[in-house]
Amino acid sequence: MGDDLPPDLGRLRVLETWAAQYLTRIRARIAAVERQQAQQQPPAPTVAPPVRSAAGPGRVRTPDWCLAEAGIGVPATEIHRGDCWARGRSLVAVSAERARAGLAGGAQPCAVCRPDRVLTRP
């Protein structure tokens, strides 16, 4: 134990009570700041529920195009076809227009499914 605390039980109990009250004040201030920041930030975009296909109950429709953001394991933003086996797990389903815009903006086409061959056709 540290030498900066009193040796007797009475004073230790007083310090314990003070610390508990101070911790309550700190937690209340944290909650107030979090509420204030939540009011200042724009709301997070909501994720649409998965589209169900006619393939059967409980089956999620495969998107036509996907976007893999650059990050851990992905050196650059990539565009994939929805059925590409190399697409990974952290993808965002996008429209053909958004996929075209991504390719025009510098996103890399997947080397496996080559979405640029289809998306750049007139």
C-alpha atoms as a PDB file:
ATOM      1  CA  MET A   1       0.000   0.000   0.000  1.00  0.00           C
ATOM      2  CA  GLY A   2       1.030   3.584  -0.534  1.00  0.00           C
ATOM      3  CA  ASP A   3       2.455   5.703   2.263  1.00  0.00           C
ATOM      4  CA  ASP A   4       0.297   8.683   1.298  1.00  0.00           C
ATOM      5  CA  LEU A   5      -2.862   7.235   2.920  1.00  0.00           C
ATOM      6  CA  PRO A   6      -3.710   7.581   6.606  1.00  0.00           C
ATOM      7  CA  PRO A   7      -3.107   4.497   8.773  1.00  0.00           C
ATOM      8  CA  ASP A   8      -6.402   4.539  10.729  1.00  0.00           C
ATOM      9  CA  LEU A   9      -9.747   3.116   9.627  1.00  0.00           C
ATOM     10  CA  GLY A  10     -11.786   6.251  10.383  1.00  0.00           C
ATOM     11  CA  ARG A  11      -9.874   8.520   8.051  1.00  0.00           C
ATOM     12  CA  LEU A  12      -9.714   5.792   5.382  1.00  0.00           C
ATOM     13  CA  ARG A  13     -13.545   5.537   5.496  1.00  0.00           C
ATOM     14  CA  VAL A  14     -13.814   9.321   5.069  1.00  0.00           C
ATOM     15  CA  LEU A  15     -11.535   9.177   2.044  1.00  0.00           C
ATOM     16  CA  GLU A  16     -13.566   6.283   0.625  1.00  0.00           C
ATOM     17  CA  THR A  17     -16.804   8.269   0.977  1.00  0.00           C
ATOM     18  CA  TRP A  18     -15.234  11.338  -0.637  1.00  0.00           C
ATOM     19  CA  ALA A  19     -13.851   9.288  -3.532  1.00  0.00           C
ATOM     20  CA  ALA A  20     -17.231   7.624  -4.147  1.00  0.00           C
ATOM     21  CA  GLN A  21     -18.992  11.002  -4.200  1.00  0.00           C
ATOM     22  CA  TYR A  22     -16.372  12.478  -6.497  1.00  0.00           C
ATOM     23  CA  LEU A  23     -16.646   9.491  -8.839  1.00  0.00           C
ATOM     24  CA  THR A  24     -20.417  10.036  -8.995  1.00  0.00           C
ATOM     25  CA  ARG A  25     -19.815  13.687  -9.989  1.00  0.00           C
ATOM     26  CA  ILE A  26     -17.291  12.654 -12.656  1.00  0.00           C
ATOM     27  CA  ARG A  27     -19.688  10.092 -14.144  1.00  0.00           C
ATOM     28  CA  ALA A  28     -22.496  12.681 -14.226  1.00  0.00           C
ATOM     29  CA  ARG A  29     -20.219  15.134 -16.051  1.00  0.00           C
ATOM     30  CA  ILE A  30     -19.183  12.440 -18.565  1.00  0.00           C
ATOM     31  CA  ALA A  31     -22.863  11.674 -19.270  1.00  0.00           C
ATOM     32  CA  ALA A  32     -23.624  15.381 -19.760  1.00  0.00           C
ATOM     33  CA  VAL A  33     -20.713  15.841 -22.185  1.00  0.00           C
ATOM     34  CA  GLU A  34     -21.732  12.715 -24.115  1.00  0.00           C
ATOM     35  CA  ARG A  35     -25.306  14.043 -24.435  1.00  0.00           C
ATOM     36  CA  GLN A  36     -23.986  17.401 -25.609  1.00  0.00           C
ATOM     37  CA  GLN A  37     -21.738  15.785 -28.228  1.00  0.00           C
ATOM     38  CA  ALA A  38     -24.553  13.537 -29.430  1.00  0.00           C
ATOM     39  CA  GLN A  39     -26.729  16.599 -30.049  1.00  0.00           C
ATOM     40  CA  GLN A  40     -23.967  18.329 -32.034  1.00  0.00           C
ATOM     41  CA  GLN A  41     -23.107  15.349 -34.273  1.00  0.00           C
ATOM     42  CA  PRO A  42     -25.271  14.499 -37.271  1.00  0.00           C
ATOM     43  CA  PRO A  43     -27.211  11.263 -36.884  1.00  0.00           C
ATOM     44  CA  ALA A  44     -25.468   8.133 -38.113  1.00  0.00           C
ATOM     45  CA  PRO A  45     -26.808   6.786 -41.405  1.00  0.00           C
ATOM     46  CA  THR A  46     -29.274   4.001 -40.937  1.00  0.00           C
ATOM     47  CA  VAL A  47     -28.647   0.687 -42.583  1.00  0.00           C
ATOM     48  CA  ALA A  48     -31.489  -0.597 -44.711  1.00  0.00           C
ATOM     49  CA  PRO A  49     -32.730  -4.077 -43.877  1.00  0.00           C
ATOM     50  CA  PRO A  50     -31.518  -6.818 -46.206  1.00  0.00           C
ATOM     51  CA  VAL A  51     -33.503  -7.264 -49.399  1.00  0.00           C
ATOM     52  CA  ARG A  52     -35.221 -10.616 -49.562  1.00  0.00           C
ATOM     53  CA  SER A  53     -35.136 -12.408 -52.895  1.00  0.00           C
ATOM     54  CA  ALA A  54     -37.581 -14.745 -54.538  1.00  0.00           C
ATOM     55  CA  ALA A  55     -35.040 -17.564 -54.076  1.00  0.00           C
ATOM     56  CA  GLY A  56     -36.699 -18.611 -50.860  1.00  0.00           C
ATOM     57  CA  PRO A  57     -37.572 -17.476 -47.361  1.00  0.00           C
ATOM     58  CA  GLY A  58     -34.686 -16.173 -45.333  1.00  0.00           C
ATOM     59  CA  ARG A  59     -32.372 -15.802 -48.341  1.00  0.00           C
ATOM     60  CA  VAL A  60     -30.685 -12.427 -48.720  1.00  0.00           C
ATOM     61  CA  ARG A  61     -30.384 -11.042 -52.246  1.00  0.00           C
ATOM     62  CA  THR A  62     -26.804 -10.785 -53.502  1.00  0.00           C
ATOM     63  CA  PRO A  63     -25.989  -7.174 -54.395  1.00  0.00           C
ATOM     64  CA  ASP A  64     -24.910  -6.420 -57.965  1.00  0.00           C
ATOM     65  CA  TRP A  65     -21.917  -4.278 -56.945  1.00  0.00           C
ATOM     66  CA  CYS A  66     -19.918  -3.908 -53.748  1.00  0.00           C
ATOM     67  CA  LEU A  67     -17.394  -1.430 -52.401  1.00  0.00           C
ATOM     68  CA  ALA A  68     -14.539  -2.532 -50.121  1.00  0.00           C
ATOM     69  CA  GLU A  69     -13.149   0.480 -48.272  1.00  0.00           C
ATOM     70  CA  ALA A  70      -9.395   0.787 -47.829  1.00  0.00           C
ATOM     71  CA  GLY A  71      -8.245  -0.357 -44.414  1.00  0.00           C
ATOM     72  CA  ILE A  72      -6.658  -3.296 -42.679  1.00  0.00           C
ATOM     73  CA  GLY A  73      -6.015  -5.973 -45.313  1.00  0.00           C
ATOM     74  CA  VAL A  74      -7.326  -3.770 -48.126  1.00  0.00           C
ATOM     75  CA  PRO A  75      -4.617  -1.411 -49.442  1.00  0.00           C
ATOM     76  CA  ALA A  76      -6.986   0.662 -51.614  1.00  0.00           C
ATOM     77  CA  THR A  77     -10.720   1.056 -52.105  1.00  0.00           C
ATOM     78  CA  GLU A  78     -11.931  -1.699 -54.432  1.00  0.00           C
ATOM     79  CA  ILE A  79     -15.064  -2.276 -56.482  1.00  0.00           C
ATOM     80  CA  HIS A  80     -16.346  -5.868 -56.773  1.00  0.00           C
ATOM     81  CA  ARG A  81     -19.188  -7.673 -58.463  1.00  0.00           C
ATOM     82  CA  GLY A  82     -21.679  -8.913 -55.915  1.00  0.00           C
ATOM     83  CA  ASP A  83     -20.921 -12.548 -56.669  1.00  0.00           C
ATOM     84  CA  CYS A  84     -17.115 -12.214 -56.564  1.00  0.00           C
ATOM     85  CA  TRP A  85     -15.429 -14.870 -54.440  1.00  0.00           C
ATOM     86  CA  ALA A  86     -12.552 -12.502 -53.588  1.00  0.00           C
ATOM     87  CA  ARG A  87     -14.717  -9.743 -52.172  1.00  0.00           C
ATOM     88  CA  GLY A  88     -14.172 -10.410 -48.469  1.00  0.00           C
ATOM     89  CA  ARG A  89     -16.624  -9.667 -45.694  1.00  0.00           C
ATOM     90  CA  SER A  90     -16.539  -5.928 -45.006  1.00  0.00           C
ATOM     91  CA  LEU A  91     -18.350  -4.650 -48.053  1.00  0.00           C
ATOM     92  CA  VAL A  92     -20.983  -2.046 -48.763  1.00  0.00           C
ATOM     93  CA  ALA A  93     -23.595  -2.816 -51.398  1.00  0.00           C
ATOM     94  CA  VAL A  94     -23.690   0.023 -53.951  1.00  0.00           C
ATOM     95  CA  SER A  95     -25.597   0.864 -57.120  1.00  0.00           C
ATOM     96  CA  ALA A  96     -24.036   0.639 -60.552  1.00  0.00           C
ATOM     97  CA  GLU A  97     -23.851   4.445 -60.670  1.00  0.00           C
ATOM     98  CA  ARG A  98     -21.968   4.584 -57.383  1.00  0.00           C
ATOM     99  CA  ALA A  99     -19.625   1.817 -58.552  1.00  0.00           C
ATOM    100  CA  ARG A 100     -18.926   3.737 -61.782  1.00  0.00           C
ATOM    101  CA  ALA A 101     -18.307   6.919 -59.809  1.00  0.00           C
ATOM    102  CA  GLY A 102     -15.936   5.024 -57.522  1.00  0.00           C
ATOM    103  CA  LEU A 103     -13.961   3.690 -60.476  1.00  0.00           C
ATOM    104  CA  ALA A 104     -13.826   7.175 -61.995  1.00  0.00           C
ATOM    105  CA  GLY A 105     -12.714   8.566 -58.632  1.00  0.00           C
ATOM    106  CA  GLY A 106      -9.724   6.257 -58.350  1.00  0.00           C
ATOM    107  CA  ALA A 107     -11.108   3.110 -56.729  1.00  0.00           C
ATOM    108  CA  GLN A 108      -9.376  -0.042 -57.954  1.00  0.00           C
ATOM    109  CA  PRO A 109     -11.377  -2.682 -59.823  1.00  0.00           C
ATOM    110  CA  CYS A 110     -11.078  -6.194 -58.419  1.00  0.00           C
ATOM    111  CA  ALA A 111      -8.479  -8.187 -60.342  1.00  0.00           C
ATOM    112  CA  VAL A 112     -10.632 -11.325 -60.087  1.00  0.00           C
ATOM    113  CA  CYS A 113     -14.130 -10.261 -61.172  1.00  0.00           C
ATOM    114  CA  ARG A 114     -13.070  -7.219 -63.260  1.00  0.00           C
ATOM    115  CA  PRO A 115     -16.139  -5.002 -62.711  1.00  0.00           C
ATOM    116  CA  ASP A 116     -14.572  -2.283 -64.859  1.00  0.00           C
ATOM    117  CA  ARG A 117     -15.158  -4.380 -67.969  1.00  0.00           C
ATOM    118  CA  VAL A 118     -18.896  -4.407 -67.368  1.00  0.00           C
ATOM    119  CA  LEU A 119     -19.375  -0.987 -65.804  1.00  0.00           C
ATOM    120  CA  THR A 120     -17.540   0.938 -68.529  1.00  0.00           C
ATOM    121  CA  ARG A 121     -19.689  -0.472 -71.334  1.00  0.00           C
ATOM    122  CA  PRO A 122     -22.150   2.013 -72.836  1.00  0.00           C
END
